[in-house]
PDB file of N, CA and C in Angstrom:
ATOM      1  N   MET A   1       0.853  -1.181   0.000  1.00  0.00           N
ATOM      2  CA  MET A   1       0.000   0.000   0.000  1.00  0.00           C
ATOM      3  C   MET A   1       0.894   1.238   0.000  1.00  0.00           C
ATOM      4  N   THR A   2       0.635   2.145  -0.916  1.00  0.00           N
ATOM      5  CA  THR A   2       1.424   3.376  -0.997  1.00  0.00           C
ATOM      6  C   THR A   2       0.893   4.400   0.009  1.00  0.00           C
ATOM      7  N   ASP A   3       1.683   5.438   0.235  1.00  0.00           N
ATOM      8  CA  ASP A   3       1.261   6.506   1.152  1.00  0.00           C
ATOM      9  C   ASP A   3      -0.040   7.158   0.684  1.00  0.00           C
ATOM     10  N   ASP A   4      -0.132   7.412  -0.620  1.00  0.00           N
ATOM     11  CA  ASP A   4      -1.344   8.050  -1.146  1.00  0.00           C
ATOM     12  C   ASP A   4      -2.580   7.188  -0.900  1.00  0.00           C
ATOM     13  N   GLU A   5      -2.447   5.890  -1.116  1.00  0.00           N
ATOM     14  CA  GLU A   5      -3.585   4.997  -0.871  1.00  0.00           C
ATOM     15  C   GLU A   5      -3.956   4.959   0.609  1.00  0.00           C
ATOM     16  N   PHE A   6      -2.938   4.935   1.462  1.00  0.00           N
ATOM     17  CA  PHE A   6      -3.200   4.873   2.901  1.00  0.00           C
ATOM     18  C   PHE A   6      -3.949   6.112   3.389  1.00  0.00           C
ATOM     19  N   TYR A   7      -3.519   7.286   2.971  1.00  0.00           N
ATOM     20  CA  TYR A   7      -4.133   8.517   3.465  1.00  0.00           C
ATOM     21  C   TYR A   7      -5.452   8.860   2.775  1.00  0.00           C
ATOM     22  N   LYS A   8      -5.706   8.269   1.634  1.00  0.00           N
ATOM     23  CA  LYS A   8      -6.966   8.555   0.930  1.00  0.00           C
ATOM     24  C   LYS A   8      -8.070   7.563   1.267  1.00  0.00           C
ATOM     25  N   ARG A   9      -7.761   6.484   1.965  1.00  0.00           N
ATOM     26  CA  ARG A   9      -8.768   5.450   2.173  1.00  0.00           C
ATOM     27  C   ARG A   9      -9.899   5.897   3.090  1.00  0.00           C
ATOM     28  N   ASN A  10      -9.704   6.864   3.977  1.00  0.00           N
ATOM     29  CA  ASN A  10     -10.767   7.351   4.857  1.00  0.00           C
ATOM     30  C   ASN A  10     -11.432   8.621   4.336  1.00  0.00           C
ATOM     31  N   HIS A  11     -11.040   9.076   3.168  1.00  0.00           N
ATOM     32  CA  HIS A  11     -11.610  10.288   2.582  1.00  0.00           C
ATOM     33  C   HIS A  11     -12.744   9.909   1.632  1.00  0.00           C
ATOM     34  N   PRO A  12     -13.762  10.750   1.546  1.00  0.00           N
ATOM     35  CA  PRO A  12     -14.809  10.476   0.564  1.00  0.00           C
ATOM     36  C   PRO A  12     -14.260  10.624  -0.859  1.00  0.00           C
ATOM     37  N   GLU A  13     -14.910   9.958  -1.783  1.00  0.00           N
ATOM     38  CA  GLU A  13     -14.459  10.038  -3.178  1.00  0.00           C
ATOM     39  C   GLU A  13     -14.560  11.465  -3.683  1.00  0.00           C
ATOM     40  N   GLY A  14     -13.560  11.885  -4.418  1.00  0.00           N
ATOM     41  CA  GLY A  14     -13.564  13.220  -5.004  1.00  0.00           C
ATOM     42  C   GLY A  14     -13.184  14.321  -4.019  1.00  0.00           C
ATOM     43  N   SER A  15     -12.704  13.954  -2.850  1.00  0.00           N
ATOM     44  CA  SER A  15     -12.305  15.004  -1.898  1.00  0.00           C
ATOM     45  C   SER A  15     -11.054  15.695  -2.414  1.00  0.00           C
ATOM     46  N   THR A  16     -11.019  16.983  -2.263  1.00  0.00           N
ATOM     47  CA  THR A  16      -9.887  17.757  -2.774  1.00  0.00           C
ATOM     48  C   THR A  16      -9.253  18.584  -1.675  1.00  0.00           C
ATOM     49  N   LEU A  17      -9.267  18.067  -0.447  1.00  0.00           N
ATOM     50  CA  LEU A  17      -8.636  18.791   0.643  1.00  0.00           C
ATOM     51  C   LEU A  17      -7.121  18.787   0.454  1.00  0.00           C
ATOM     52  N   PRO A  18      -6.471  19.919   0.705  1.00  0.00           N
ATOM     53  CA  PRO A  18      -5.015  19.942   0.577  1.00  0.00           C
ATOM     54  C   PRO A  18      -4.364  19.126   1.693  1.00  0.00           C
ATOM     55  N   GLU A  19      -3.201  18.649   1.430  1.00  0.00           N
ATOM     56  CA  GLU A  19      -2.456  17.879   2.421  1.00  0.00           C
ATOM     57  C   GLU A  19      -2.055  18.801   3.567  1.00  0.00           C
ATOM     58  N   ASP A  20      -2.383  18.412   4.793  1.00  0.00           N
ATOM     59  CA  ASP A  20      -2.061  19.276   5.926  1.00  0.00           C
ATOM     60  C   ASP A  20      -0.654  19.044   6.463  1.00  0.00           C
ATOM     61  N   ARG A  21      -0.044  17.929   6.107  1.00  0.00           N
ATOM     62  CA  ARG A  21       1.329  17.646   6.512  1.00  0.00           C
ATOM     63  C   ARG A  21       2.119  17.237   5.271  1.00  0.00           C
ATOM     64  N   PRO A  22       2.725  18.180   4.587  1.00  0.00           N
ATOM     65  CA  PRO A  22       3.460  17.839   3.363  1.00  0.00           C
ATOM     66  C   PRO A  22       4.575  16.834   3.654  1.00  0.00           C
ATOM     67  N   ARG A  23       4.794  15.942   2.710  1.00  0.00           N
ATOM     68  CA  ARG A  23       5.805  14.913   2.865  1.00  0.00           C
ATOM     69  C   ARG A  23       6.854  15.040   1.765  1.00  0.00           C
ATOM     70  N   GLU A  24       7.980  14.398   2.011  1.00  0.00           N
ATOM     71  CA  GLU A  24       9.052  14.244   1.029  1.00  0.00           C
ATOM     72  C   GLU A  24       9.523  15.557   0.430  1.00  0.00           C
ATOM     73  N   GLY A  25      10.513  16.140   1.036  1.00  0.00           N
ATOM     74  CA  GLY A  25      11.158  17.313   0.467  1.00  0.00           C
ATOM     75  C   GLY A  25      10.533  18.642   0.827  1.00  0.00           C
ATOM     76  N   ALA A  26       9.519  18.650   1.641  1.00  0.00           N
ATOM     77  CA  ALA A  26       8.904  19.919   2.026  1.00  0.00           C
ATOM     78  C   ALA A  26       9.621  20.454   3.265  1.00  0.00           C
ATOM     79  N   LEU A  27      10.840  20.923   3.070  1.00  0.00           N
ATOM     80  CA  LEU A  27      11.640  21.433   4.179  1.00  0.00           C
ATOM     81  C   LEU A  27      11.407  22.938   4.350  1.00  0.00           C
ATOM     82  N   PRO A  28      11.515  23.431   5.562  1.00  0.00           N
ATOM     83  CA  PRO A  28      11.378  24.872   5.755  1.00  0.00           C
ATOM     84  C   PRO A  28      12.507  25.612   5.049  1.00  0.00           C
ATOM     85  N   SER A  29      12.248  26.826   4.669  1.00  0.00           N
ATOM     86  CA  SER A  29      13.248  27.589   3.941  1.00  0.00           C
ATOM     87  C   SER A  29      14.440  27.875   4.854  1.00  0.00           C
ATOM     88  N   PRO A  30      15.656  27.776   4.334  1.00  0.00           N
ATOM     89  CA  PRO A  30      16.830  27.980   5.172  1.00  0.00           C
ATOM     90  C   PRO A  30      16.976  29.410   5.654  1.00  0.00           C
ATOM     91  N   SER A  31      16.344  30.367   5.004  1.00  0.00           N
ATOM     92  CA  SER A  31      16.491  31.763   5.409  1.00  0.00           C
ATOM     93  C   SER A  31      15.773  32.057   6.724  1.00  0.00           C
ATOM     94  N   ARG A  32      14.791  31.239   7.104  1.00  0.00           N
ATOM     95  CA  ARG A  32      14.060  31.478   8.350  1.00  0.00           C
ATOM     96  C   ARG A  32      14.934  31.282   9.567  1.00  0.00           C
ATOM     97  N   GLY A  33      15.658  30.187   9.634  1.00  0.00           N
ATOM     98  CA  GLY A  33      16.432  29.876  10.817  1.00  0.00           C
ATOM     99  C   GLY A  33      17.865  30.377  10.763  1.00  0.00           C
ATOM    100  N   GLY A  34      18.358  30.750   9.611  1.00  0.00           N
ATOM    101  CA  GLY A  34      19.749  31.150   9.464  1.00  0.00           C
ATOM    102  C   GLY A  34      20.093  32.440  10.160  1.00  0.00           C
ATOM    103  N   LYS A  35      19.210  33.401  10.187  1.00  0.00           N
ATOM    104  CA  LYS A  35      19.503  34.705  10.787  1.00  0.00           C
ATOM    105  C   LYS A  35      19.655  34.597  12.290  1.00  0.00           C
ATOM    106  N   GLY A  36      18.844  33.806  12.929  1.00  0.00           N
ATOM    107  CA  GLY A  36      18.902  33.668  14.377  1.00  0.00           C
ATOM    108  C   GLY A  36      20.225  33.079  14.843  1.00  0.00           C
ATOM    109  N   VAL A  37      20.768  32.149  14.074  1.00  0.00           N
ATOM    110  CA  VAL A  37      22.040  31.531  14.430  1.00  0.00           C
ATOM    111  C   VAL A  37      23.152  32.572  14.406  1.00  0.00           C
ATOM    112  N   TRP A  38      23.155  33.414  13.392  1.00  0.00           N
ATOM    113  CA  TRP A  38      24.198  34.437  13.292  1.00  0.00           C
ATOM    114  C   TRP A  38      24.062  35.492  14.375  1.00  0.00           C
ATOM    115  N   VAL A  39      22.853  35.825  14.752  1.00  0.00           N
ATOM    116  CA  VAL A  39      22.646  36.801  15.823  1.00  0.00           C
ATOM    117  C   VAL A  39      23.174  36.254  17.146  1.00  0.00           C
ATOM    118  N   VAL A  40      22.838  35.017  17.452  1.00  0.00           N
ATOM    119  CA  VAL A  40      23.308  34.403  18.698  1.00  0.00           C
ATOM    120  C   VAL A  40      24.831  34.279  18.679  1.00  0.00           C
ATOM    121  N   LEU A  41      25.388  33.856  17.568  1.00  0.00           N
ATOM    122  CA  LEU A  41      26.834  33.736  17.450  1.00  0.00           C
ATOM    123  C   LEU A  41      27.514  35.092  17.632  1.00  0.00           C
ATOM    124  N   GLY A  42      26.958  36.129  17.050  1.00  0.00           N
ATOM    125  CA  GLY A  42      27.510  37.480  17.205  1.00  0.00           C
ATOM    126  C   GLY A  42      27.466  37.957  18.643  1.00  0.00           C
ATOM    127  N   ILE A  43      26.375  37.682  19.345  1.00  0.00           N
ATOM    128  CA  ILE A  43      26.264  38.083  20.750  1.00  0.00           C
ATOM    129  C   ILE A  43      27.299  37.341  21.596  1.00  0.00           C
ATOM    130  N   VAL A  44      27.482  36.060  21.342  1.00  0.00           N
ATOM    131  CA  VAL A  44      28.479  35.279  22.093  1.00  0.00           C
ATOM    132  C   VAL A  44      29.879  35.812  21.839  1.00  0.00           C
ATOM    133  N   VAL A  45      30.214  36.078  20.594  1.00  0.00           N
ATOM    134  CA  VAL A  45      31.537  36.605  20.264  1.00  0.00           C
ATOM    135  C   VAL A  45      31.734  37.978  20.912  1.00  0.00           C
ATOM    136  N   LEU A  46      30.734  38.829  20.861  1.00  0.00           N
ATOM    137  CA  LEU A  46      30.823  40.148  21.486  1.00  0.00           C
ATOM    138  C   LEU A  46      31.024  40.013  22.994  1.00  0.00           C
ATOM    139  N   PHE A  47      30.313  39.111  23.622  1.00  0.00           N
ATOM    140  CA  PHE A  47      30.454  38.878  25.062  1.00  0.00           C
ATOM    141  C   PHE A  47      31.871  38.408  25.389  1.00  0.00           C
ATOM    142  N   ILE A  48      32.431  37.514  24.589  1.00  0.00           N
ATOM    143  CA  ILE A  48      33.798  37.023  24.825  1.00  0.00           C
ATOM    144  C   ILE A  48      34.810  38.152  24.678  1.00  0.00           C
ATOM    145  N   ILE A  49      34.636  38.996  23.676  1.00  0.00           N
ATOM    146  CA  ILE A  49      35.559  40.119  23.468  1.00  0.00           C
ATOM    147  C   ILE A  49      35.490  41.097  24.634  1.00  0.00           C
ATOM    148  N   VAL A  50      34.293  41.453  25.058  1.00  0.00           N
ATOM    149  CA  VAL A  50      34.140  42.389  26.192  1.00  0.00           C
ATOM    150  C   VAL A  50      34.717  41.764  27.444  1.00  0.00           C
ATOM    151  N   PHE A  51      34.459  40.516  27.701  1.00  0.00           N
ATOM    152  CA  PHE A  51      34.976  39.829  28.881  1.00  0.00           C
ATOM    153  C   PHE A  51      36.507  39.790  28.855  1.00  0.00           C
ATOM    154  N   ALA A  52      37.094  39.546  27.677  1.00  0.00           N
ATOM    155  CA  ALA A  52      38.553  39.519  27.539  1.00  0.00           C
ATOM    156  C   ALA A  52      39.153  40.902  27.788  1.00  0.00           C
ATOM    157  N   LEU A  53      38.487  41.963  27.346  1.00  0.00           N
ATOM    158  CA  LEU A  53      38.986  43.323  27.558  1.00  0.00           C
ATOM    159  C   LEU A  53      38.923  43.715  29.034  1.00  0.00           C
ATOM    160  N   ILE A  54      37.931  43.218  29.745  1.00  0.00           N
ATOM    161  CA  ILE A  54      37.790  43.534  31.165  1.00  0.00           C
ATOM    162  C   ILE A  54      38.908  42.852  31.960  1.00  0.00           C
ATOM    163  N   LEU A  55      39.278  41.643  31.587  1.00  0.00           N
ATOM    164  CA  LEU A  55      40.296  40.902  32.317  1.00  0.00           C
ATOM    165  C   LEU A  55      41.711  41.412  32.041  1.00  0.00           C
ATOM    166  N   VAL A  56      41.915  42.089  30.934  1.00  0.00           N
ATOM    167  CA  VAL A  56      43.267  42.549  30.582  1.00  0.00           C
ATOM    168  C   VAL A  56      43.637  43.797  31.318  1.00  0.00           C
TER     169      VAL A  56
END
């Protein structure tokens, strides 16, 4: 039994509801999560630099 057959077996004939959980290759766009990583990394680096300047 294929995925399409499994998920369509409880649907009425001719139903055209969109898939609510996309499968196979429907990954979130990389631009959404990429900015947050750089912001956190920048804050950590800035904190290390300030901490190093205070100790010197």
